[in-house]
């Protein structure tokens, strides 16, 4: 179980692949408009058939949110007071698991 999400054996292998392939240098994403989740591109989702994805959002009070989903269900999330670099996001998500 990862942050409340049950990951099957096959999913664990896929998730490990996803985490191992994360590379901040290839990531792009958009934080605006506020209040809407935006897809993070270059997060190696293709390595797992799109099962795992990251999303970005700014809030109306100026916070920056990132979430990681497993087939649409959130399994990790973090909030930042200032815009995080993609390297920070990769470090935070990989250290969480």
PDB file of N, CA and C in Angstrom:
ATOM      1  N   UNK A   1       0.854  -1.174   0.000  1.00  0.00           N
ATOM      2  CA  UNK A   1       0.000   0.000   0.000  1.00  0.00           C
ATOM      3  C   UNK A   1       0.899   1.236   0.000  1.00  0.00           C
ATOM      4  N   UNK A   2       0.676   2.145  -0.917  1.00  0.00           N
ATOM      5  CA  UNK A   2       1.432   3.376  -1.017  1.00  0.00           C
ATOM      6  C   UNK A   2       0.495   4.551  -0.778  1.00  0.00           C
ATOM      7  N   UNK A   3       0.667   5.257   0.315  1.00  0.00           N
ATOM      8  CA  UNK A   3      -0.176   6.407   0.650  1.00  0.00           C
ATOM      9  C   UNK A   3      -1.661   6.095   0.491  1.00  0.00           C
ATOM     10  N   UNK A   4      -2.072   4.919   0.930  1.00  0.00           N
ATOM     11  CA  UNK A   4      -3.474   4.561   0.893  1.00  0.00           C
ATOM     12  C   UNK A   4      -3.923   3.898  -0.392  1.00  0.00           C
ATOM     13  N   UNK A   5      -3.071   3.843  -1.416  1.00  0.00           N
ATOM     14  CA  UNK A   5      -3.448   3.213  -2.679  1.00  0.00           C
ATOM     15  C   UNK A   5      -2.851   1.812  -2.737  1.00  0.00           C
ATOM     16  N   UNK A   6      -3.666   0.850  -3.082  1.00  0.00           N
ATOM     17  CA  UNK A   6      -3.184  -0.521  -3.213  1.00  0.00           C
ATOM     18  C   UNK A   6      -2.545  -0.661  -4.589  1.00  0.00           C
ATOM     19  N   UNK A   7      -1.285  -1.077  -4.607  1.00  0.00           N
ATOM     20  CA  UNK A   7      -0.572  -1.281  -5.858  1.00  0.00           C
ATOM     21  C   UNK A   7      -0.375  -2.780  -6.027  1.00  0.00           C
ATOM     22  N   UNK A   8      -0.908  -3.348  -7.095  1.00  0.00           N
ATOM     23  CA  UNK A   8      -0.771  -4.774  -7.336  1.00  0.00           C
ATOM     24  C   UNK A   8       0.681  -5.114  -7.659  1.00  0.00           C
ATOM     25  N   UNK A   9       1.028  -6.397  -7.668  1.00  0.00           N
ATOM     26  CA  UNK A   9       2.402  -6.789  -7.962  1.00  0.00           C
ATOM     27  C   UNK A   9       2.847  -6.221  -9.297  1.00  0.00           C
ATOM     28  N   UNK A  10       2.024  -6.379 -10.323  1.00  0.00           N
ATOM     29  CA  UNK A  10       2.375  -5.810 -11.629  1.00  0.00           C
ATOM     30  C   UNK A  10       2.497  -4.293 -11.512  1.00  0.00           C
ATOM     31  N   UNK A  11       1.601  -3.695 -10.766  1.00  0.00           N
ATOM     32  CA  UNK A  11       1.644  -2.245 -10.583  1.00  0.00           C
ATOM     33  C   UNK A  11       2.895  -1.794  -9.866  1.00  0.00           C
ATOM     34  N   UNK A  12       3.361  -2.594  -8.894  1.00  0.00           N
ATOM     35  CA  UNK A  12       4.589  -2.237  -8.185  1.00  0.00           C
ATOM     36  C   UNK A  12       5.756  -2.187  -9.152  1.00  0.00           C
ATOM     37  N   UNK A  13       5.824  -3.163 -10.062  1.00  0.00           N
ATOM     38  CA  UNK A  13       6.899  -3.147 -11.049  1.00  0.00           C
ATOM     39  C   UNK A  13       6.781  -1.924 -11.945  1.00  0.00           C
ATOM     40  N   UNK A  14       5.571  -1.624 -12.381  1.00  0.00           N
ATOM     41  CA  UNK A  14       5.352  -0.443 -13.212  1.00  0.00           C
ATOM     42  C   UNK A  14       5.688   0.832 -12.447  1.00  0.00           C
ATOM     43  N   UNK A  15       5.308   0.878 -11.181  1.00  0.00           N
ATOM     44  CA  UNK A  15       5.565   2.075 -10.394  1.00  0.00           C
ATOM     45  C   UNK A  15       7.057   2.286 -10.193  1.00  0.00           C
ATOM     46  N   UNK A  16       7.782   1.205  -9.932  1.00  0.00           N
ATOM     47  CA  UNK A  16       9.234   1.298  -9.795  1.00  0.00           C
ATOM     48  C   UNK A  16       9.850   1.809 -11.099  1.00  0.00           C
ATOM     49  N   UNK A  17       9.377   1.306 -12.221  1.00  0.00           N
ATOM     50  CA  UNK A  17       9.847   1.776 -13.528  1.00  0.00           C
ATOM     51  C   UNK A  17       9.578   3.267 -13.676  1.00  0.00           C
ATOM     52  N   UNK A  18       8.355   3.672 -13.333  1.00  0.00           N
ATOM     53  CA  UNK A  18       7.974   5.080 -13.430  1.00  0.00           C
ATOM     54  C   UNK A  18       8.923   5.945 -12.592  1.00  0.00           C
ATOM     55  N   UNK A  19       9.110   5.579 -11.326  1.00  0.00           N
ATOM     56  CA  UNK A  19       9.979   6.368 -10.442  1.00  0.00           C
ATOM     57  C   UNK A  19      11.422   6.386 -10.933  1.00  0.00           C
ATOM     58  N   UNK A  20      11.927   5.239 -11.362  1.00  0.00           N
ATOM     59  CA  UNK A  20      13.312   5.159 -11.816  1.00  0.00           C
ATOM     60  C   UNK A  20      13.561   5.971 -13.086  1.00  0.00           C
ATOM     61  N   UNK A  21      12.530   6.143 -13.900  1.00  0.00           N
ATOM     62  CA  UNK A  21      12.692   6.865 -15.165  1.00  0.00           C
ATOM     63  C   UNK A  21      12.444   8.365 -15.057  1.00  0.00           C
ATOM     64  N   UNK A  22      11.998   8.839 -13.905  1.00  0.00           N
ATOM     65  CA  UNK A  22      11.745  10.278 -13.768  1.00  0.00           C
ATOM     66  C   UNK A  22      13.031  11.063 -13.994  1.00  0.00           C
ATOM     67  N   UNK A  23      12.953  12.064 -14.854  1.00  0.00           N
ATOM     68  CA  UNK A  23      14.106  12.896 -15.196  1.00  0.00           C
ATOM     69  C   UNK A  23      13.624  14.339 -15.334  1.00  0.00           C
ATOM     70  N   UNK A  24      13.976  15.156 -14.382  1.00  0.00           N
ATOM     71  CA  UNK A  24      13.508  16.541 -14.350  1.00  0.00           C
ATOM     72  C   UNK A  24      13.900  17.322 -15.600  1.00  0.00           C
ATOM     73  N   UNK A  25      15.014  16.980 -16.214  1.00  0.00           N
ATOM     74  CA  UNK A  25      15.495  17.749 -17.370  1.00  0.00           C
ATOM     75  C   UNK A  25      14.573  17.631 -18.578  1.00  0.00           C
ATOM     76  N   UNK A  26      13.733  16.592 -18.621  1.00  0.00           N
ATOM     77  CA  UNK A  26      12.825  16.422 -19.742  1.00  0.00           C
ATOM     78  C   UNK A  26      11.395  16.843 -19.457  1.00  0.00           C
ATOM     79  N   UNK A  27      11.154  17.427 -18.287  1.00  0.00           N
ATOM     80  CA  UNK A  27       9.788  17.769 -17.890  1.00  0.00           C
ATOM     81  C   UNK A  27       9.400  19.190 -18.297  1.00  0.00           C
ATOM     82  N   UNK A  28       8.130  19.337 -18.651  1.00  0.00           N
ATOM     83  CA  UNK A  28       7.546  20.649 -18.909  1.00  0.00           C
ATOM     84  C   UNK A  28       6.149  20.649 -18.297  1.00  0.00           C
ATOM     85  N   UNK A  29       5.662  21.831 -17.994  1.00  0.00           N
ATOM     86  CA  UNK A  29       4.324  21.926 -17.436  1.00  0.00           C
ATOM     87  C   UNK A  29       3.891  23.360 -17.283  1.00  0.00           C
ATOM     88  N   UNK A  30       2.601  23.534 -17.107  1.00  0.00           N
ATOM     89  CA  UNK A  30       1.990  24.849 -17.005  1.00  0.00           C
ATOM     90  C   UNK A  30       1.242  24.937 -15.679  1.00  0.00           C
ATOM     91  N   UNK A  31       1.441  26.021 -14.962  1.00  0.00           N
ATOM     92  CA  UNK A  31       0.802  26.213 -13.661  1.00  0.00           C
ATOM     93  C   UNK A  31      -0.485  27.048 -13.743  1.00  0.00           C
ATOM     94  N   UNK A  32      -0.765  27.650 -14.877  1.00  0.00           N
ATOM     95  CA  UNK A  32      -1.917  28.540 -14.981  1.00  0.00           C
ATOM     96  C   UNK A  32      -2.887  28.023 -16.040  1.00  0.00           C
ATOM     97  N   UNK A  33      -4.167  28.361 -15.917  1.00  0.00           N
ATOM     98  CA  UNK A  33      -4.765  29.227 -14.918  1.00  0.00           C
ATOM     99  C   UNK A  33      -4.887  28.544 -13.549  1.00  0.00           C
ATOM    100  N   UNK A  34      -4.959  29.360 -12.525  1.00  0.00           N
ATOM    101  CA  UNK A  34      -5.075  28.863 -11.154  1.00  0.00           C
ATOM    102  C   UNK A  34      -6.376  28.087 -10.970  1.00  0.00           C
ATOM    103  N   UNK A  35      -6.326  27.129 -10.048  1.00  0.00           N
ATOM    104  CA  UNK A  35      -7.521  26.376  -9.694  1.00  0.00           C
ATOM    105  C   UNK A  35      -7.840  25.219 -10.619  1.00  0.00           C
ATOM    106  N   UNK A  36      -6.958  24.936 -11.569  1.00  0.00           N
ATOM    107  CA  UNK A  36      -7.185  23.850 -12.522  1.00  0.00           C
ATOM    108  C   UNK A  36      -5.939  22.976 -12.577  1.00  0.00           C
ATOM    109  N   UNK A  37      -6.127  21.649 -12.545  1.00  0.00           N
ATOM    110  CA  UNK A  37      -5.001  20.730 -12.659  1.00  0.00           C
ATOM    111  C   UNK A  37      -4.518  20.695 -14.096  1.00  0.00           C
ATOM    112  N   UNK A  38      -3.183  20.727 -14.267  1.00  0.00           N
ATOM    113  CA  UNK A  38      -2.547  20.692 -15.579  1.00  0.00           C
ATOM    114  C   UNK A  38      -1.598  19.498 -15.645  1.00  0.00           C
ATOM    115  N   UNK A  39      -1.593  18.810 -16.773  1.00  0.00           N
ATOM    116  CA  UNK A  39      -0.722  17.647 -16.942  1.00  0.00           C
ATOM    117  C   UNK A  39       0.736  18.085 -16.968  1.00  0.00           C
ATOM    118  N   UNK A  40       1.559  17.338 -16.252  1.00  0.00           N
ATOM    119  CA  UNK A  40       3.002  17.514 -16.328  1.00  0.00           C
ATOM    120  C   UNK A  40       3.473  16.615 -17.463  1.00  0.00           C
ATOM    121  N   UNK A  41       4.238  17.165 -18.394  1.00  0.00           N
ATOM    122  CA  UNK A  41       4.713  16.396 -19.544  1.00  0.00           C
ATOM    123  C   UNK A  41       6.156  15.956 -19.307  1.00  0.00           C
ATOM    124  N   UNK A  42       6.501  14.793 -19.843  1.00  0.00           N
ATOM    125  CA  UNK A  42       7.854  14.268 -19.701  1.00  0.00           C
ATOM    126  C   UNK A  42       8.080  13.516 -18.407  1.00  0.00           C
ATOM    127  N   UNK A  43       6.987  13.065 -17.777  1.00  0.00           N
ATOM    128  CA  UNK A  43       7.111  12.357 -16.496  1.00  0.00           C
ATOM    129  C   UNK A  43       7.183  10.846 -16.668  1.00  0.00           C
ATOM    130  N   UNK A  44       7.496  10.365 -17.841  1.00  0.00           N
ATOM    131  CA  UNK A  44       7.675   8.942 -18.187  1.00  0.00           C
ATOM    132  C   UNK A  44       6.400   8.119 -18.079  1.00  0.00           C
ATOM    133  N   UNK A  45       5.237   8.762 -18.162  1.00  0.00           N
ATOM    134  CA  UNK A  45       3.981   8.014 -18.072  1.00  0.00           C
ATOM    135  C   UNK A  45       3.899   6.934 -19.146  1.00  0.00           C
ATOM    136  N   UNK A  46       4.539   7.167 -20.295  1.00  0.00           N
ATOM    137  CA  UNK A  46       4.491   6.158 -21.358  1.00  0.00           C
ATOM    138  C   UNK A  46       5.195   4.868 -20.954  1.00  0.00           C
ATOM    139  N   UNK A  47       6.144   4.941 -20.011  1.00  0.00           N
ATOM    140  CA  UNK A  47       6.860   3.741 -19.572  1.00  0.00           C
ATOM    141  C   UNK A  47       5.948   2.786 -18.803  1.00  0.00           C
ATOM    142  N   UNK A  48       4.777   3.280 -18.379  1.00  0.00           N
ATOM    143  CA  UNK A  48       3.823   2.434 -17.648  1.00  0.00           C
ATOM    144  C   UNK A  48       2.459   2.417 -18.342  1.00  0.00           C
ATOM    145  N   UNK A  49       2.451   2.714 -19.617  1.00  0.00           N
ATOM    146  CA  UNK A  49       1.194   2.710 -20.359  1.00  0.00           C
ATOM    147  C   UNK A  49       0.227   3.774 -19.912  1.00  0.00           C
ATOM    148  N   UNK A  50       0.740   4.837 -19.318  1.00  0.00           N
ATOM    149  CA  UNK A  50      -0.107   5.938 -18.869  1.00  0.00           C
ATOM    150  C   UNK A  50      -0.762   5.719 -17.517  1.00  0.00           C
ATOM    151  N   UNK A  51      -0.410   4.635 -16.840  1.00  0.00           N
ATOM    152  CA  UNK A  51      -1.043   4.337 -15.559  1.00  0.00           C
ATOM    153  C   UNK A  51      -0.750   5.427 -14.527  1.00  0.00           C
ATOM    154  N   UNK A  52       0.487   5.885 -14.454  1.00  0.00           N
ATOM    155  CA  UNK A  52       0.888   6.893 -13.476  1.00  0.00           C
ATOM    156  C   UNK A  52       1.103   8.228 -14.192  1.00  0.00           C
ATOM    157  N   UNK A  53       0.590   9.314 -13.577  1.00  0.00           N
ATOM    158  CA  UNK A  53       0.705  10.654 -14.166  1.00  0.00           C
ATOM    159  C   UNK A  53       0.877  11.674 -13.053  1.00  0.00           C
ATOM    160  N   UNK A  54       1.562  12.770 -13.385  1.00  0.00           N
ATOM    161  CA  UNK A  54       1.659  13.893 -12.445  1.00  0.00           C
ATOM    162  C   UNK A  54       0.920  15.095 -13.016  1.00  0.00           C
ATOM    163  N   UNK A  55       0.376  15.883 -12.077  1.00  0.00           N
ATOM    164  CA  UNK A  55      -0.377  17.084 -12.423  1.00  0.00           C
ATOM    165  C   UNK A  55       0.099  18.251 -11.563  1.00  0.00           C
ATOM    166  N   UNK A  56      -0.047  19.452 -12.110  1.00  0.00           N
ATOM    167  CA  UNK A  56       0.376  20.696 -11.447  1.00  0.00           C
ATOM    168  C   UNK A  56      -0.813  21.634 -11.313  1.00  0.00           C
ATOM    169  N   UNK A  57      -0.817  22.452 -10.240  1.00  0.00           N
ATOM    170  CA  UNK A  57      -1.862  23.455 -10.080  1.00  0.00           C
ATOM    171  C   UNK A  57      -1.382  24.566  -9.151  1.00  0.00           C
ATOM    172  N   UNK A  58      -1.787  25.791  -9.457  1.00  0.00           N
ATOM    173  CA  UNK A  58      -1.634  26.883  -8.498  1.00  0.00           C
ATOM    174  C   UNK A  58      -3.003  27.143  -7.899  1.00  0.00           C
ATOM    175  N   UNK A  59      -2.994  27.607  -6.655  1.00  0.00           N
ATOM    176  CA  UNK A  59      -4.250  27.903  -5.971  1.00  0.00           C
ATOM    177  C   UNK A  59      -4.480  29.414  -5.972  1.00  0.00           C
ATOM    178  N   UNK A  60      -5.680  29.818  -5.619  1.00  0.00           N
ATOM    179  CA  UNK A  60      -6.009  31.243  -5.599  1.00  0.00           C
ATOM    180  C   UNK A  60      -5.211  32.007  -4.548  1.00  0.00           C
ATOM    181  N   UNK A  61      -4.688  31.292  -3.542  1.00  0.00           N
ATOM    182  CA  UNK A  61      -3.878  31.970  -2.523  1.00  0.00           C
ATOM    183  C   UNK A  61      -2.370  31.848  -2.794  1.00  0.00           C
ATOM    184  N   UNK A  62      -1.999  31.480  -4.026  1.00  0.00           N
ATOM    185  CA  UNK A  62      -0.597  31.489  -4.430  1.00  0.00           C
ATOM    186  C   UNK A  62       0.217  30.256  -4.090  1.00  0.00           C
ATOM    187  N   UNK A  63      -0.417  29.180  -3.685  1.00  0.00           N
ATOM    188  CA  UNK A  63       0.292  27.928  -3.402  1.00  0.00           C
ATOM    189  C   UNK A  63       0.461  27.147  -4.707  1.00  0.00           C
ATOM    190  N   UNK A  64       1.451  26.276  -4.715  1.00  0.00           N
ATOM    191  CA  UNK A  64       1.714  25.401  -5.860  1.00  0.00           C
ATOM    192  C   UNK A  64       1.501  23.965  -5.408  1.00  0.00           C
ATOM    193  N   UNK A  65       0.638  23.242  -6.130  1.00  0.00           N
ATOM    194  CA  UNK A  65       0.328  21.866  -5.766  1.00  0.00           C
ATOM    195  C   UNK A  65       0.768  20.916  -6.878  1.00  0.00           C
ATOM    196  N   UNK A  66       1.220  19.741  -6.451  1.00  0.00           N
ATOM    197  CA  UNK A  66       1.589  18.669  -7.375  1.00  0.00           C
ATOM    198  C   UNK A  66       0.920  17.398  -6.869  1.00  0.00           C
ATOM    199  N   UNK A  67       0.376  16.613  -7.796  1.00  0.00           N
ATOM    200  CA  UNK A  67      -0.176  15.318  -7.393  1.00  0.00           C
ATOM    201  C   UNK A  67       0.269  14.252  -8.383  1.00  0.00           C
ATOM    202  N   UNK A  68       0.385  13.038  -7.869  1.00  0.00           N
ATOM    203  CA  UNK A  68       0.705  11.857  -8.659  1.00  0.00           C
ATOM    204  C   UNK A  68      -0.498  10.937  -8.578  1.00  0.00           C
ATOM    205  N   UNK A  69      -0.952  10.463  -9.725  1.00  0.00           N
ATOM    206  CA  UNK A  69      -2.124   9.586  -9.740  1.00  0.00           C
ATOM    207  C   UNK A  69      -1.778   8.209 -10.292  1.00  0.00           C
ATOM    208  N   UNK A  70      -2.542   7.233  -9.832  1.00  0.00           N
ATOM    209  CA  UNK A  70      -2.489   5.865 -10.332  1.00  0.00           C
ATOM    210  C   UNK A  70      -3.862   5.595 -10.931  1.00  0.00           C
ATOM    211  N   UNK A  71      -3.925   5.557 -12.251  1.00  0.00           N
ATOM    212  CA  UNK A  71      -5.183   5.373 -12.967  1.00  0.00           C
ATOM    213  C   UNK A  71      -6.252   6.342 -12.479  1.00  0.00           C
ATOM    214  N   UNK A  72      -5.858   7.579 -12.255  1.00  0.00           N
ATOM    215  CA  UNK A  72      -6.791   8.639 -11.892  1.00  0.00           C
ATOM    216  C   UNK A  72      -6.973   8.884 -10.404  1.00  0.00           C
ATOM    217  N   UNK A  73      -6.534   7.970  -9.560  1.00  0.00           N
ATOM    218  CA  UNK A  73      -6.661   8.140  -8.109  1.00  0.00           C
ATOM    219  C   UNK A  73      -5.353   8.684  -7.541  1.00  0.00           C
ATOM    220  N   UNK A  74      -5.444   9.738  -6.760  1.00  0.00           N
ATOM    221  CA  UNK A  74      -4.238  10.347  -6.194  1.00  0.00           C
ATOM    222  C   UNK A  74      -3.558   9.410  -5.204  1.00  0.00           C
ATOM    223  N   UNK A  75      -2.239   9.206  -5.390  1.00  0.00           N
ATOM    224  CA  UNK A  75      -1.460   8.384  -4.461  1.00  0.00           C
ATOM    225  C   UNK A  75      -0.378   9.192  -3.759  1.00  0.00           C
ATOM    226  N   UNK A  76      -0.129  10.420  -4.222  1.00  0.00           N
ATOM    227  CA  UNK A  76       0.851  11.296  -3.584  1.00  0.00           C
ATOM    228  C   UNK A  76       0.494  12.718  -3.950  1.00  0.00           C
ATOM    229  N   UNK A  77       0.802  13.628  -3.045  1.00  0.00           N
ATOM    230  CA  UNK A  77       0.604  15.044  -3.335  1.00  0.00           C
ATOM    231  C   UNK A  77       1.474  15.885  -2.430  1.00  0.00           C
ATOM    232  N   UNK A  78       1.780  17.083  -2.895  1.00  0.00           N
ATOM    233  CA  UNK A  78       2.566  18.012  -2.096  1.00  0.00           C
ATOM    234  C   UNK A  78       2.153  19.432  -2.453  1.00  0.00           C
ATOM    235  N   UNK A  79       2.331  20.329  -1.494  1.00  0.00           N
ATOM    236  CA  UNK A  79       2.025  21.744  -1.688  1.00  0.00           C
ATOM    237  C   UNK A  79       3.271  22.551  -1.357  1.00  0.00           C
ATOM    238  N   UNK A  80       3.522  23.570  -2.168  1.00  0.00           N
ATOM    239  CA  UNK A  80       4.718  24.402  -2.021  1.00  0.00           C
ATOM    240  C   UNK A  80       4.294  25.864  -1.904  1.00  0.00           C
ATOM    241  N   UNK A  81       5.086  26.646  -1.165  1.00  0.00           N
ATOM    242  CA  UNK A  81       4.804  28.071  -1.023  1.00  0.00           C
ATOM    243  C   UNK A  81       5.301  28.891  -2.198  1.00  0.00           C
ATOM    244  N   UNK A  82       6.257  28.351  -2.940  1.00  0.00           N
ATOM    245  CA  UNK A  82       6.756  29.010  -4.148  1.00  0.00           C
ATOM    246  C   UNK A  82       6.889  27.947  -5.230  1.00  0.00           C
ATOM    247  N   UNK A  83       7.031  28.383  -6.474  1.00  0.00           N
ATOM    248  CA  UNK A  83       7.078  27.433  -7.583  1.00  0.00           C
ATOM    249  C   UNK A  83       8.281  26.505  -7.453  1.00  0.00           C
ATOM    250  N   UNK A  84       8.030  25.202  -7.337  1.00  0.00           N
ATOM    251  CA  UNK A  84       9.138  24.252  -7.201  1.00  0.00           C
ATOM    252  C   UNK A  84       9.761  23.956  -8.565  1.00  0.00           C
ATOM    253  N   UNK A  85      11.032  23.649  -8.567  1.00  0.00           N
ATOM    254  CA  UNK A  85      11.673  23.199  -9.802  1.00  0.00           C
ATOM    255  C   UNK A  85      11.215  21.764 -10.059  1.00  0.00           C
ATOM    256  N   UNK A  86      11.372  21.318 -11.287  1.00  0.00           N
ATOM    257  CA  UNK A  86      11.038  19.927 -11.581  1.00  0.00           C
ATOM    258  C   UNK A  86      11.982  18.998 -10.827  1.00  0.00           C
ATOM    259  N   UNK A  87      13.209  19.416 -10.608  1.00  0.00           N
ATOM    260  CA  UNK A  87      14.158  18.610  -9.830  1.00  0.00           C
ATOM    261  C   UNK A  87      13.656  18.423  -8.398  1.00  0.00           C
ATOM    262  N   UNK A  88      13.087  19.460  -7.811  1.00  0.00           N
ATOM    263  CA  UNK A  88      12.528  19.369  -6.464  1.00  0.00           C
ATOM    264  C   UNK A  88      11.345  18.405  -6.438  1.00  0.00           C
ATOM    265  N   UNK A  89      10.491  18.500  -7.446  1.00  0.00           N
ATOM    266  CA  UNK A  89       9.326  17.607  -7.519  1.00  0.00           C
ATOM    267  C   UNK A  89       9.782  16.154  -7.618  1.00  0.00           C
ATOM    268  N   UNK A  90      10.744  15.880  -8.502  1.00  0.00           N
ATOM    269  CA  UNK A  90      11.258  14.512  -8.660  1.00  0.00           C
ATOM    270  C   UNK A  90      11.850  14.010  -7.348  1.00  0.00           C
ATOM    271  N   UNK A  91      12.637  14.834  -6.700  1.00  0.00           N
ATOM    272  CA  UNK A  91      13.244  14.453  -5.435  1.00  0.00           C
ATOM    273  C   UNK A  91      12.184  14.146  -4.372  1.00  0.00           C
ATOM    274  N   UNK A  92      11.180  15.002  -4.289  1.00  0.00           N
ATOM    275  CA  UNK A  92      10.133  14.819  -3.286  1.00  0.00           C
ATOM    276  C   UNK A  92       9.308  13.560  -3.531  1.00  0.00           C
ATOM    277  N   UNK A  93       8.925  13.317  -4.779  1.00  0.00           N
ATOM    278  CA  UNK A  93       8.093  12.143  -5.052  1.00  0.00           C
ATOM    279  C   UNK A  93       8.902  10.859  -4.907  1.00  0.00           C
ATOM    280  N   UNK A  94      10.118  10.835  -5.342  1.00  0.00           N
ATOM    281  CA  UNK A  94      10.916   9.593  -5.210  1.00  0.00           C
ATOM    282  C   UNK A  94      11.264   9.310  -3.762  1.00  0.00           C
ATOM    283  N   UNK A  95      11.502  10.346  -2.971  1.00  0.00           N
ATOM    284  CA  UNK A  95      11.829  10.116  -1.558  1.00  0.00           C
ATOM    285  C   UNK A  95      10.595   9.680  -0.762  1.00  0.00           C
ATOM    286  N   UNK A  96       9.411   9.986  -1.261  1.00  0.00           N
ATOM    287  CA  UNK A  96       8.171   9.590  -0.575  1.00  0.00           C
ATOM    288  C   UNK A  96       7.925   8.089  -0.684  1.00  0.00           C
ATOM    289  N   UNK A  97       8.522   7.457  -1.670  1.00  0.00           N
ATOM    290  CA  UNK A  97       8.294   6.026  -1.881  1.00  0.00           C
ATOM    291  C   UNK A  97       9.586   5.260  -1.766  1.00  0.00           C
TER     292      UNK A  97
END
